[in-house]
PDB file of N, CA and C in Angstrom:
ATOM      1  N   MET A   1     -54.017 -75.017-114.449  1.00  0.00           N
ATOM      2  CA  MET A   1     -52.784 -74.617-115.055  1.00  0.00           C
ATOM      3  C   MET A   1     -53.045 -74.207-116.503  1.00  0.00           C
ATOM      4  N   SER A   2     -52.647 -73.019-116.885  1.00  0.00           N
ATOM      5  CA  SER A   2     -52.894 -72.559-118.245  1.00  0.00           C
ATOM      6  C   SER A   2     -51.692 -72.850-119.136  1.00  0.00           C
ATOM      7  N   ALA A   3     -51.985 -73.031-120.394  1.00  0.00           N
ATOM      8  CA  ALA A   3     -50.924 -73.321-121.364  1.00  0.00           C
ATOM      9  C   ALA A   3     -50.171 -72.043-121.703  1.00  0.00           C
ATOM     10  N   PRO A   4     -48.886 -72.155-121.991  1.00  0.00           N
ATOM     11  CA  PRO A   4     -48.127 -70.965-122.383  1.00  0.00           C
ATOM     12  C   PRO A   4     -48.657 -70.430-123.708  1.00  0.00           C
ATOM     13  N   PRO A   5     -48.490 -69.111-123.956  1.00  0.00           N
ATOM     14  CA  PRO A   5     -48.998 -68.548-125.212  1.00  0.00           C
ATOM     15  C   PRO A   5     -48.304 -69.201-126.406  1.00  0.00           C
ATOM     16  N   SER A   6     -49.066 -69.371-127.469  1.00  0.00           N
ATOM     17  CA  SER A   6     -48.485 -69.959-128.678  1.00  0.00           C
ATOM     18  C   SER A   6     -47.539 -68.950-129.329  1.00  0.00           C
ATOM     19  N   PRO A   7     -46.597 -69.418-130.139  1.00  0.00           N
ATOM     20  CA  PRO A   7     -45.633 -68.510-130.768  1.00  0.00           C
ATOM     21  C   PRO A   7     -46.283 -67.441-131.630  1.00  0.00           C
ATOM     22  N   SER A   8     -47.489 -67.692-132.157  1.00  0.00           N
ATOM     23  CA  SER A   8     -48.157 -66.704-133.010  1.00  0.00           C
ATOM     24  C   SER A   8     -48.852 -65.611-132.197  1.00  0.00           C
ATOM     25  N   THR A   9     -49.011 -65.801-130.896  1.00  0.00           N
ATOM     26  CA  THR A   9     -49.657 -64.810-130.047  1.00  0.00           C
ATOM     27  C   THR A   9     -48.600 -63.889-129.436  1.00  0.00           C
ATOM     28  N   PRO A  10     -48.646 -62.581-129.773  1.00  0.00           N
ATOM     29  CA  PRO A  10     -47.655 -61.680-129.183  1.00  0.00           C
ATOM     30  C   PRO A  10     -47.891 -61.506-127.686  1.00  0.00           C
ATOM     31  N   PRO A  11     -46.834 -61.243-126.937  1.00  0.00           N
ATOM     32  CA  PRO A  11     -47.009 -61.026-125.496  1.00  0.00           C
ATOM     33  C   PRO A  11     -47.797 -59.749-125.237  1.00  0.00           C
ATOM     34  N   ARG A  12     -48.518 -59.717-124.152  1.00  0.00           N
ATOM     35  CA  ARG A  12     -49.316 -58.536-123.799  1.00  0.00           C
ATOM     36  C   ARG A  12     -48.498 -57.624-122.904  1.00  0.00           C
ATOM     37  N   THR A  13     -47.752 -56.730-123.512  1.00  0.00           N
ATOM     38  CA  THR A  13     -46.952 -55.777-122.760  1.00  0.00           C
ATOM     39  C   THR A  13     -47.720 -54.471-122.642  1.00  0.00           C
ATOM     40  N   PRO A  14     -47.366 -53.608-121.695  1.00  0.00           N
ATOM     41  CA  PRO A  14     -48.046 -52.307-121.590  1.00  0.00           C
ATOM     42  C   PRO A  14     -47.941 -51.493-122.885  1.00  0.00           C
ATOM     43  N   SER A  15     -46.829 -51.571-123.580  1.00  0.00           N
ATOM     44  CA  SER A  15     -46.661 -50.823-124.829  1.00  0.00           C
ATOM     45  C   SER A  15     -47.634 -51.300-125.901  1.00  0.00           C
ATOM     46  N   ILE A  16     -47.792 -52.609-126.008  1.00  0.00           N
ATOM     47  CA  ILE A  16     -48.721 -53.151-126.996  1.00  0.00           C
ATOM     48  C   ILE A  16     -50.151 -52.782-126.639  1.00  0.00           C
ATOM     49  N   GLU A  17     -50.488 -52.847-125.374  1.00  0.00           N
ATOM     50  CA  GLU A  17     -51.834 -52.474-124.940  1.00  0.00           C
ATOM     51  C   GLU A  17     -52.113 -50.993-125.230  1.00  0.00           C
ATOM     52  N   LEU A  18     -51.106 -50.139-125.035  1.00  0.00           N
ATOM     53  CA  LEU A  18     -51.268 -48.711-125.343  1.00  0.00           C
ATOM     54  C   LEU A  18     -51.510 -48.513-126.835  1.00  0.00           C
ATOM     55  N   LEU A  19     -50.737 -49.184-127.671  1.00  0.00           N
ATOM     56  CA  LEU A  19     -50.950 -49.079-129.120  1.00  0.00           C
ATOM     57  C   LEU A  19     -52.348 -49.544-129.496  1.00  0.00           C
ATOM     58  N   LYS A  20     -52.790 -50.649-128.919  1.00  0.00           N
ATOM     59  CA  LYS A  20     -54.135 -51.152-129.212  1.00  0.00           C
ATOM     60  C   LYS A  20     -55.205 -50.145-128.799  1.00  0.00           C
ATOM     61  N   SER A  21     -54.960 -49.433-127.712  1.00  0.00           N
ATOM     62  CA  SER A  21     -55.958 -48.485-127.213  1.00  0.00           C
ATOM     63  C   SER A  21     -56.118 -47.265-128.115  1.00  0.00           C
ATOM     64  N   ILE A  22     -55.112 -46.967-128.940  1.00  0.00           N
ATOM     65  CA  ILE A  22     -55.242 -45.798-129.810  1.00  0.00           C
ATOM     66  C   ILE A  22     -55.583 -46.160-131.258  1.00  0.00           C
ATOM     67  N   LEU A  23     -55.786 -47.463-131.526  1.00  0.00           N
ATOM     68  CA  LEU A  23     -56.228 -47.855-132.858  1.00  0.00           C
ATOM     69  C   LEU A  23     -57.533 -47.147-133.199  1.00  0.00           C
ATOM     70  N   ARG A  24     -57.665 -46.741-134.437  1.00  0.00           N
ATOM     71  CA  ARG A  24     -58.847 -46.036-134.959  1.00  0.00           C
ATOM     72  C   ARG A  24     -58.986 -44.624-134.403  1.00  0.00           C
ATOM     73  N   SER A  25     -57.933 -44.102-133.786  1.00  0.00           N
ATOM     74  CA  SER A  25     -57.935 -42.715-133.322  1.00  0.00           C
ATOM     75  C   SER A  25     -57.403 -41.815-134.435  1.00  0.00           C
ATOM     76  N   THR A  26     -57.783 -40.558-134.386  1.00  0.00           N
ATOM     77  CA  THR A  26     -57.270 -39.591-135.356  1.00  0.00           C
ATOM     78  C   THR A  26     -55.937 -39.056-134.864  1.00  0.00           C
ATOM     79  N   LEU A  27     -54.910 -39.174-135.708  1.00  0.00           N
ATOM     80  CA  LEU A  27     -53.576 -38.686-135.379  1.00  0.00           C
ATOM     81  C   LEU A  27     -53.187 -37.557-136.320  1.00  0.00           C
ATOM     82  N   ARG A  28     -52.405 -36.631-135.789  1.00  0.00           N
ATOM     83  CA  ARG A  28     -51.775 -35.587-136.592  1.00  0.00           C
ATOM     84  C   ARG A  28     -50.270 -35.811-136.473  1.00  0.00           C
ATOM     85  N   ILE A  29     -49.631 -36.081-137.602  1.00  0.00           N
ATOM     86  CA  ILE A  29     -48.208 -36.412-137.618  1.00  0.00           C
ATOM     87  C   ILE A  29     -47.456 -35.376-138.435  1.00  0.00           C
ATOM     88  N   ALA A  30     -46.476 -34.725-137.813  1.00  0.00           N
ATOM     89  CA  ALA A  30     -45.606 -33.769-138.502  1.00  0.00           C
ATOM     90  C   ALA A  30     -44.308 -34.494-138.837  1.00  0.00           C
ATOM     91  N   ILE A  31     -43.832 -34.310-140.078  1.00  0.00           N
ATOM     92  CA  ILE A  31     -42.601 -34.987-140.476  1.00  0.00           C
ATOM     93  C   ILE A  31     -41.512 -33.972-140.812  1.00  0.00           C
ATOM     94  N   ALA A  32     -40.303 -34.479-141.026  1.00  0.00           N
ATOM     95  CA  ALA A  32     -39.095 -33.669-141.149  1.00  0.00           C
ATOM     96  C   ALA A  32     -39.150 -32.630-142.271  1.00  0.00           C
ATOM     97  N   ASP A  33     -39.848 -32.901-143.365  1.00  0.00           N
ATOM     98  CA  ASP A  33     -39.855 -31.946-144.479  1.00  0.00           C
ATOM     99  C   ASP A  33     -40.924 -30.866-144.351  1.00  0.00           C
ATOM    100  N   GLY A  34     -41.610 -30.812-143.208  1.00  0.00           N
ATOM    101  CA  GLY A  34     -42.584 -29.758-142.962  1.00  0.00           C
ATOM    102  C   GLY A  34     -44.020 -30.141-143.262  1.00  0.00           C
ATOM    103  N   ARG A  35     -44.249 -31.315-143.818  1.00  0.00           N
ATOM    104  CA  ARG A  35     -45.627 -31.739-144.081  1.00  0.00           C
ATOM    105  C   ARG A  35     -46.279 -32.249-142.801  1.00  0.00           C
ATOM    106  N   VAL A  36     -47.614 -32.173-142.785  1.00  0.00           N
ATOM    107  CA  VAL A  36     -48.410 -32.675-141.668  1.00  0.00           C
ATOM    108  C   VAL A  36     -49.481 -33.586-142.250  1.00  0.00           C
ATOM    109  N   PHE A  37     -49.637 -34.764-141.652  1.00  0.00           N
ATOM    110  CA  PHE A  37     -50.662 -35.709-142.082  1.00  0.00           C
ATOM    111  C   PHE A  37     -51.692 -35.861-140.979  1.00  0.00           C
ATOM    112  N   LEU A  38     -52.952 -35.879-141.376  1.00  0.00           N
ATOM    113  CA  LEU A  38     -54.061 -36.047-140.446  1.00  0.00           C
ATOM    114  C   LEU A  38     -54.863 -37.244-140.939  1.00  0.00           C
ATOM    115  N   GLY A  39     -54.919 -38.317-140.115  1.00  0.00           N
ATOM    116  CA  GLY A  39     -55.626 -39.512-140.554  1.00  0.00           C
ATOM    117  C   GLY A  39     -55.910 -40.457-139.407  1.00  0.00           C
ATOM    118  N   THR A  40     -56.529 -41.571-139.745  1.00  0.00           N
ATOM    119  CA  THR A  40     -56.918 -42.585-138.767  1.00  0.00           C
ATOM    120  C   THR A  40     -55.799 -43.618-138.622  1.00  0.00           C
ATOM    121  N   PHE A  41     -55.342 -43.801-137.383  1.00  0.00           N
ATOM    122  CA  PHE A  41     -54.265 -44.739-137.088  1.00  0.00           C
ATOM    123  C   PHE A  41     -54.795 -46.164-137.155  1.00  0.00           C
ATOM    124  N   VAL A  42     -54.142 -47.004-137.995  1.00  0.00           N
ATOM    125  CA  VAL A  42     -54.573 -48.401-138.102  1.00  0.00           C
ATOM    126  C   VAL A  42     -53.464 -49.394-137.779  1.00  0.00           C
ATOM    127  N   GLY A  43     -52.248 -48.917-137.475  1.00  0.00           N
ATOM    128  CA  GLY A  43     -51.221 -49.853-137.053  1.00  0.00           C
ATOM    129  C   GLY A  43     -49.807 -49.395-137.332  1.00  0.00           C
ATOM    130  N   THR A  44     -48.878 -50.261-136.926  1.00  0.00           N
ATOM    131  CA  THR A  44     -47.458 -50.043-137.171  1.00  0.00           C
ATOM    132  C   THR A  44     -46.873 -51.355-137.662  1.00  0.00           C
ATOM    133  N   ASP A  45     -45.645 -51.287-138.154  1.00  0.00           N
ATOM    134  CA  ASP A  45     -44.940 -52.515-138.500  1.00  0.00           C
ATOM    135  C   ASP A  45     -43.786 -52.710-137.521  1.00  0.00           C
ATOM    136  N   LYS A  46     -42.980 -53.722-137.775  1.00  0.00           N
ATOM    137  CA  LYS A  46     -41.893 -54.033-136.849  1.00  0.00           C
ATOM    138  C   LYS A  46     -40.892 -52.886-136.723  1.00  0.00           C
ATOM    139  N   ALA A  47     -40.714 -52.103-137.800  1.00  0.00           N
ATOM    140  CA  ALA A  47     -39.783 -50.967-137.796  1.00  0.00           C
ATOM    141  C   ALA A  47     -40.430 -49.700-137.218  1.00  0.00           C
ATOM    142  N   LEU A  48     -41.667 -49.806-136.696  1.00  0.00           N
ATOM    143  CA  LEU A  48     -42.432 -48.711-136.098  1.00  0.00           C
ATOM    144  C   LEU A  48     -42.878 -47.657-137.103  1.00  0.00           C
ATOM    145  N   ASN A  49     -42.920 -48.002-138.390  1.00  0.00           N
ATOM    146  CA  ASN A  49     -43.533 -47.107-139.368  1.00  0.00           C
ATOM    147  C   ASN A  49     -45.021 -47.039-139.049  1.00  0.00           C
ATOM    148  N   ILE A  50     -45.641 -45.907-139.303  1.00  0.00           N
ATOM    149  CA  ILE A  50     -47.030 -45.676-138.897  1.00  0.00           C
ATOM    150  C   ILE A  50     -47.943 -45.737-140.117  1.00  0.00           C
ATOM    151  N   LEU A  51     -49.036 -46.477-139.999  1.00  0.00           N
ATOM    152  CA  LEU A  51     -49.994 -46.612-141.085  1.00  0.00           C
ATOM    153  C   LEU A  51     -51.244 -45.808-140.756  1.00  0.00           C
ATOM    154  N   LEU A  52     -51.593 -44.894-141.671  1.00  0.00           N
ATOM    155  CA  LEU A  52     -52.798 -44.080-141.553  1.00  0.00           C
ATOM    156  C   LEU A  52     -53.713 -44.355-142.736  1.00  0.00           C
ATOM    157  N   VAL A  53     -55.012 -44.295-142.516  1.00  0.00           N
ATOM    158  CA  VAL A  53     -55.998 -44.368-143.594  1.00  0.00           C
ATOM    159  C   VAL A  53     -56.857 -43.115-143.546  1.00  0.00           C
ATOM    160  N   ASN A  54     -57.555 -42.849-144.641  1.00  0.00           N
ATOM    161  CA  ASN A  54     -58.391 -41.650-144.763  1.00  0.00           C
ATOM    162  C   ASN A  54     -57.589 -40.409-144.392  1.00  0.00           C
ATOM    163  N   ALA A  55     -56.378 -40.319-144.898  1.00  0.00           N
ATOM    164  CA  ALA A  55     -55.448 -39.270-144.497  1.00  0.00           C
ATOM    165  C   ALA A  55     -55.454 -38.087-145.460  1.00  0.00           C
ATOM    166  N   ASP A  56     -55.204 -36.923-144.895  1.00  0.00           N
ATOM    167  CA  ASP A  56     -55.012 -35.688-145.648  1.00  0.00           C
ATOM    168  C   ASP A  56     -53.599 -35.199-145.397  1.00  0.00           C
ATOM    169  N   GLU A  57     -53.007 -34.580-146.418  1.00  0.00           N
ATOM    170  CA  GLU A  57     -51.660 -34.019-146.314  1.00  0.00           C
ATOM    171  C   GLU A  57     -51.758 -32.501-146.349  1.00  0.00           C
ATOM    172  N   PHE A  58     -51.035 -31.860-145.458  1.00  0.00           N
ATOM    173  CA  PHE A  58     -50.993 -30.401-145.408  1.00  0.00           C
ATOM    174  C   PHE A  58     -49.545 -29.951-145.502  1.00  0.00           C
ATOM    175  N   ARG A  59     -49.309 -28.960-146.331  1.00  0.00           N
ATOM    176  CA  ARG A  59     -47.976 -28.345-146.427  1.00  0.00           C
ATOM    177  C   ARG A  59     -48.124 -26.948-145.856  1.00  0.00           C
ATOM    178  N   LEU A  60     -47.374 -26.669-144.825  1.00  0.00           N
ATOM    179  CA  LEU A  60     -47.483 -25.387-144.154  1.00  0.00           C
ATOM    180  C   LEU A  60     -46.361 -24.472-144.608  1.00  0.00           C
ATOM    181  N   GLY A  61     -46.680 -23.225-144.787  1.00  0.00           N
ATOM    182  CA  GLY A  61     -45.662 -22.268-145.183  1.00  0.00           C
ATOM    183  C   GLY A  61     -46.187 -21.332-146.249  1.00  0.00           C
ATOM    184  N   PRO A  62     -45.420 -20.283-146.549  1.00  0.00           N
ATOM    185  CA  PRO A  62     -45.849 -19.319-147.562  1.00  0.00           C
ATOM    186  C   PRO A  62     -45.918 -19.976-148.946  1.00  0.00           C
ATOM    187  N   GLY A  63     -46.965 -19.662-149.676  1.00  0.00           N
ATOM    188  CA  GLY A  63     -47.124 -20.181-151.023  1.00  0.00           C
ATOM    189  C   GLY A  63     -47.638 -21.605-151.103  1.00  0.00           C
ATOM    190  N   GLU A  64     -47.940 -22.229-149.990  1.00  0.00           N
ATOM    191  CA  GLU A  64     -48.440 -23.604-149.981  1.00  0.00           C
ATOM    192  C   GLU A  64     -49.958 -23.597-149.896  1.00  0.00           C
ATOM    193  N   ASN A  65     -50.570 -24.725-150.204  1.00  0.00           N
ATOM    194  CA  ASN A  65     -52.023 -24.873-150.139  1.00  0.00           C
ATOM    195  C   ASN A  65     -52.425 -25.243-148.716  1.00  0.00           C
ATOM    196  N   PRO A  66     -52.971 -24.285-147.947  1.00  0.00           N
ATOM    197  CA  PRO A  66     -53.334 -24.587-146.553  1.00  0.00           C
ATOM    198  C   PRO A  66     -54.534 -25.526-146.440  1.00  0.00           C
ATOM    199  N   GLY A  67     -55.301 -25.693-147.534  1.00  0.00           N
ATOM    200  CA  GLY A  67     -56.466 -26.565-147.495  1.00  0.00           C
ATOM    201  C   GLY A  67     -56.124 -28.039-147.520  1.00  0.00           C
ATOM    202  N   GLY A  68     -54.922 -28.369-147.922  1.00  0.00           N
ATOM    203  CA  GLY A  68     -54.486 -29.760-147.932  1.00  0.00           C
ATOM    204  C   GLY A  68     -55.028 -30.535-149.120  1.00  0.00           C
ATOM    205  N   ARG A  69     -54.657 -31.817-149.155  1.00  0.00           N
ATOM    206  CA  ARG A  69     -55.149 -32.718-150.190  1.00  0.00           C
ATOM    207  C   ARG A  69     -55.326 -34.108-149.602  1.00  0.00           C
ATOM    208  N   TYR A  70     -56.308 -34.819-150.138  1.00  0.00           N
ATOM    209  CA  TYR A  70     -56.598 -36.175-149.673  1.00  0.00           C
ATOM    210  C   TYR A  70     -55.573 -37.129-150.268  1.00  0.00           C
ATOM    211  N   VAL A  71     -54.929 -37.945-149.423  1.00  0.00           N
ATOM    212  CA  VAL A  71     -53.963 -38.929-149.914  1.00  0.00           C
ATOM    213  C   VAL A  71     -54.405 -40.366-149.643  1.00  0.00           C
ATOM    214  N   GLY A  72     -55.459 -40.566-148.885  1.00  0.00           N
ATOM    215  CA  GLY A  72     -55.966 -41.910-148.634  1.00  0.00           C
ATOM    216  C   GLY A  72     -55.141 -42.657-147.612  1.00  0.00           C
ATOM    217  N   GLN A  73     -54.525 -43.755-148.028  1.00  0.00           N
ATOM    218  CA  GLN A  73     -53.732 -44.587-147.118  1.00  0.00           C
ATOM    219  C   GLN A  73     -52.256 -44.282-147.319  1.00  0.00           C
ATOM    220  N   LEU A  74     -51.518 -44.190-146.218  1.00  0.00           N
ATOM    221  CA  LEU A  74     -50.084 -43.965-146.335  1.00  0.00           C
ATOM    222  C   LEU A  74     -49.343 -44.565-145.161  1.00  0.00           C
ATOM    223  N   MET A  75     -48.064 -44.809-145.409  1.00  0.00           N
ATOM    224  CA  MET A  75     -47.160 -45.304-144.384  1.00  0.00           C
ATOM    225  C   MET A  75     -46.138 -44.201-144.138  1.00  0.00           C
ATOM    226  N   VAL A  76     -46.001 -43.792-142.877  1.00  0.00           N
ATOM    227  CA  VAL A  76     -45.055 -42.740-142.511  1.00  0.00           C
ATOM    228  C   VAL A  76     -43.841 -43.395-141.861  1.00  0.00           C
ATOM    229  N   PRO A  77     -42.658 -43.281-142.475  1.00  0.00           N
ATOM    230  CA  PRO A  77     -41.465 -43.866-141.860  1.00  0.00           C
ATOM    231  C   PRO A  77     -41.157 -43.209-140.513  1.00  0.00           C
ATOM    232  N   TRP A  78     -40.896 -44.027-139.505  1.00  0.00           N
ATOM    233  CA  TRP A  78     -40.649 -43.531-138.152  1.00  0.00           C
ATOM    234  C   TRP A  78     -39.491 -42.536-138.113  1.00  0.00           C
ATOM    235  N   ARG A  79     -38.465 -42.738-138.928  1.00  0.00           N
ATOM    236  CA  ARG A  79     -37.283 -41.866-138.909  1.00  0.00           C
ATOM    237  C   ARG A  79     -37.602 -40.444-139.356  1.00  0.00           C
ATOM    238  N   LEU A  80     -38.732 -40.224-140.043  1.00  0.00           N
ATOM    239  CA  LEU A  80     -39.106 -38.884-140.499  1.00  0.00           C
ATOM    240  C   LEU A  80     -40.015 -38.146-139.524  1.00  0.00           C
ATOM    241  N   VAL A  81     -40.564 -38.857-138.552  1.00  0.00           N
ATOM    242  CA  VAL A  81     -41.561 -38.269-137.645  1.00  0.00           C
ATOM    243  C   VAL A  81     -40.914 -37.276-136.684  1.00  0.00           C
ATOM    244  N   LYS A  82     -41.488 -36.065-136.641  1.00  0.00           N
ATOM    245  CA  LYS A  82     -41.056 -35.039-135.692  1.00  0.00           C
ATOM    246  C   LYS A  82     -41.989 -34.962-134.488  1.00  0.00           C
ATOM    247  N   SER A  83     -43.301 -35.122-134.732  1.00  0.00           N
ATOM    248  CA  SER A  83     -44.256 -35.117-133.617  1.00  0.00           C
ATOM    249  C   SER A  83     -45.514 -35.872-134.017  1.00  0.00           C
ATOM    250  N   ILE A  84     -46.177 -36.416-132.995  1.00  0.00           N
ATOM    251  CA  ILE A  84     -47.449 -37.107-133.180  1.00  0.00           C
ATOM    252  C   ILE A  84     -48.405 -36.597-132.121  1.00  0.00           C
ATOM    253  N   GLU A  85     -49.610 -36.248-132.559  1.00  0.00           N
ATOM    254  CA  GLU A  85     -50.644 -35.799-131.628  1.00  0.00           C
ATOM    255  C   GLU A  85     -51.893 -36.620-131.884  1.00  0.00           C
ATOM    256  N   MET A  86     -52.637 -36.930-130.831  1.00  0.00           N
ATOM    257  CA  MET A  86     -53.861 -37.703-130.951  1.00  0.00           C
ATOM    258  C   MET A  86     -55.042 -36.822-130.601  1.00  0.00           C
ATOM    259  N   GLN A  87     -56.103 -36.920-131.379  1.00  0.00           N
ATOM    260  CA  GLN A  87     -57.297 -36.131-131.114  1.00  0.00           C
ATOM    261  C   GLN A  87     -58.006 -36.690-129.894  1.00  0.00           C
ATOM    262  N   ALA A  88     -58.302 -35.811-128.938  1.00  0.00           N
ATOM    263  CA  ALA A  88     -59.012 -36.229-127.728  1.00  0.00           C
ATOM    264  C   ALA A  88     -60.472 -36.487-128.067  1.00  0.00           C
ATOM    265  N   ASP A  89     -61.040 -37.525-127.482  1.00  0.00           N
ATOM    266  CA  ASP A  89     -62.434 -37.887-127.739  1.00  0.00           C
ATOM    267  C   ASP A  89     -63.383 -36.941-127.029  1.00  0.00           C
ATOM    268  N   GLY A  90     -64.478 -36.609-127.709  1.00  0.00           N
ATOM    269  CA  GLY A  90     -65.567 -35.881-127.079  1.00  0.00           C
ATOM    270  C   GLY A  90     -65.300 -34.428-126.758  1.00  0.00           C
ATOM    271  N   VAL A  91     -64.311 -33.794-127.378  1.00  0.00           N
ATOM    272  CA  VAL A  91     -64.049 -32.387-127.106  1.00  0.00           C
ATOM    273  C   VAL A  91     -64.226 -31.607-128.393  1.00  0.00           C
ATOM    274  N   SER A  92     -65.168 -30.668-128.393  1.00  0.00           N
ATOM    275  CA  SER A  92     -65.361 -29.839-129.576  1.00  0.00           C
ATOM    276  C   SER A  92     -64.546 -28.565-129.438  1.00  0.00           C
ATOM    277  N   ASP A  93     -64.408 -27.817-130.542  1.00  0.00           N
ATOM    278  CA  ASP A  93     -63.662 -26.563-130.492  1.00  0.00           C
ATOM    279  C   ASP A  93     -64.292 -25.573-129.518  1.00  0.00           C
ATOM    280  N   GLY A  94     -65.632 -25.550-129.449  1.00  0.00           N
ATOM    281  CA  GLY A  94     -66.296 -24.624-128.540  1.00  0.00           C
ATOM    282  C   GLY A  94     -65.941 -24.901-127.093  1.00  0.00           C
ATOM    283  N   GLU A  95     -65.895 -26.176-126.712  1.00  0.00           N
ATOM    284  CA  GLU A  95     -65.521 -26.542-125.348  1.00  0.00           C
ATOM    285  C   GLU A  95     -64.077 -26.163-125.071  1.00  0.00           C
ATOM    286  N   ARG A  96     -63.206 -26.358-126.054  1.00  0.00           N
ATOM    287  CA  ARG A  96     -61.791 -26.058-125.870  1.00  0.00           C
ATOM    288  C   ARG A  96     -61.606 -24.561-125.628  1.00  0.00           C
ATOM    289  N   GLU A  97     -62.307 -23.731-126.396  1.00  0.00           N
ATOM    290  CA  GLU A  97     -62.151 -22.289-126.243  1.00  0.00           C
ATOM    291  C   GLU A  97     -62.733 -21.808-124.910  1.00  0.00           C
ATOM    292  N   GLU A  98     -63.841 -22.415-124.467  1.00  0.00           N
ATOM    293  CA  GLU A  98     -64.424 -22.030-123.190  1.00  0.00           C
ATOM    294  C   GLU A  98     -63.495 -22.374-122.037  1.00  0.00           C
ATOM    295  N   ASP A  99     -62.713 -23.433-122.187  1.00  0.00           N
ATOM    296  CA  ASP A  99     -61.778 -23.837-121.151  1.00  0.00           C
ATOM    297  C   ASP A  99     -60.503 -23.014-121.171  1.00  0.00           C
ATOM    298  N   GLY A 100     -60.388 -22.082-122.118  1.00  0.00           N
ATOM    299  CA  GLY A 100     -59.197 -21.253-122.192  1.00  0.00           C
ATOM    300  C   GLY A 100     -58.064 -21.916-122.945  1.00  0.00           C
ATOM    301  N   GLN A 101     -58.348 -23.021-123.628  1.00  0.00           N
ATOM    302  CA  GLN A 101     -57.317 -23.688-124.411  1.00  0.00           C
ATOM    303  C   GLN A 101     -57.507 -23.321-125.869  1.00  0.00           C
ATOM    304  N   GLY A 102     -56.456 -23.458-126.650  1.00  0.00           N
ATOM    305  CA  GLY A 102     -56.545 -23.178-128.075  1.00  0.00           C
ATOM    306  C   GLY A 102     -56.368 -21.712-128.354  1.00  0.00           C
ATOM    307  N   ASP A 103     -56.417 -21.379-129.646  1.00  0.00           N
ATOM    308  CA  ASP A 103     -56.161 -20.008-130.058  1.00  0.00           C
ATOM    309  C   ASP A 103     -57.433 -19.226-130.305  1.00  0.00           C
ATOM    310  N   GLY A 104     -58.604 -19.866-130.129  1.00  0.00           N
ATOM    311  CA  GLY A 104     -59.856 -19.166-130.295  1.00  0.00           C
ATOM    312  C   GLY A 104     -60.278 -19.011-131.742  1.00  0.00           C
ATOM    313  N   GLU A 105     -59.524 -19.581-132.684  1.00  0.00           N
ATOM    314  CA  GLU A 105     -59.877 -19.425-134.086  1.00  0.00           C
ATOM    315  C   GLU A 105     -60.842 -20.484-134.565  1.00  0.00           C
ATOM    316  N   GLY A 106     -61.080 -21.545-133.772  1.00  0.00           N
ATOM    317  CA  GLY A 106     -62.045 -22.563-134.153  1.00  0.00           C
ATOM    318  C   GLY A 106     -61.673 -23.229-135.461  1.00  0.00           C
ATOM    319  N   ASP A 107     -60.469 -23.800-135.531  1.00  0.00           N
ATOM    320  CA  ASP A 107     -59.966 -24.366-136.771  1.00  0.00           C
ATOM    321  C   ASP A 107     -60.622 -25.695-137.146  1.00  0.00           C
ATOM    322  N   GLY A 108     -61.494 -26.240-136.286  1.00  0.00           N
ATOM    323  CA  GLY A 108     -62.227 -27.442-136.627  1.00  0.00           C
ATOM    324  C   GLY A 108     -61.464 -28.736-136.386  1.00  0.00           C
ATOM    325  N   ASP A 109     -60.291 -28.688-135.821  1.00  0.00           N
ATOM    326  CA  ASP A 109     -59.504 -29.891-135.618  1.00  0.00           C
ATOM    327  C   ASP A 109     -59.788 -30.584-134.307  1.00  0.00           C
ATOM    328  N   GLY A 110     -60.513 -29.972-133.385  1.00  0.00           N
ATOM    329  CA  GLY A 110     -60.699 -30.569-132.073  1.00  0.00           C
ATOM    330  C   GLY A 110     -59.444 -30.397-131.237  1.00  0.00           C
ATOM    331  N   LEU A 111     -59.428 -31.029-130.105  1.00  0.00           N
ATOM    332  CA  LEU A 111     -58.297 -30.911-129.201  1.00  0.00           C
ATOM    333  C   LEU A 111     -57.321 -32.043-129.422  1.00  0.00           C
ATOM    334  N   TYR A 112     -56.057 -31.734-129.562  1.00  0.00           N
ATOM    335  CA  TYR A 112     -55.024 -32.753-129.726  1.00  0.00           C
ATOM    336  C   TYR A 112     -54.153 -32.758-128.482  1.00  0.00           C
ATOM    337  N   VAL A 113     -53.802 -33.966-128.031  1.00  0.00           N
ATOM    338  CA  VAL A 113     -53.004 -34.113-126.822  1.00  0.00           C
ATOM    339  C   VAL A 113     -51.677 -34.767-127.114  1.00  0.00           C
TER     340      VAL A 113
END
């Protein structure tokens, strides 16, 4: 007979297991004001805000700096998130273009799903 989980141990739900499986993955997050952040996912809080490290910020549009800037660590409020994409493991731009995916420009971002 096993002991019930202690109050400090969170239950193992499919949602929690999914979040754990994407820890340390590269995410691309687009937010409501048009900015895009590219960084390593390291967790969320109770309000589902997203924490990224080694992140870069990109502002898309005319007159903006398409090269982006390094912002380091940031917390993205869930209410601002428009889309989240995760970089697929082991797929280079060359493989993506050979498979007929992507725009063929080889932007160096890899494949996002």
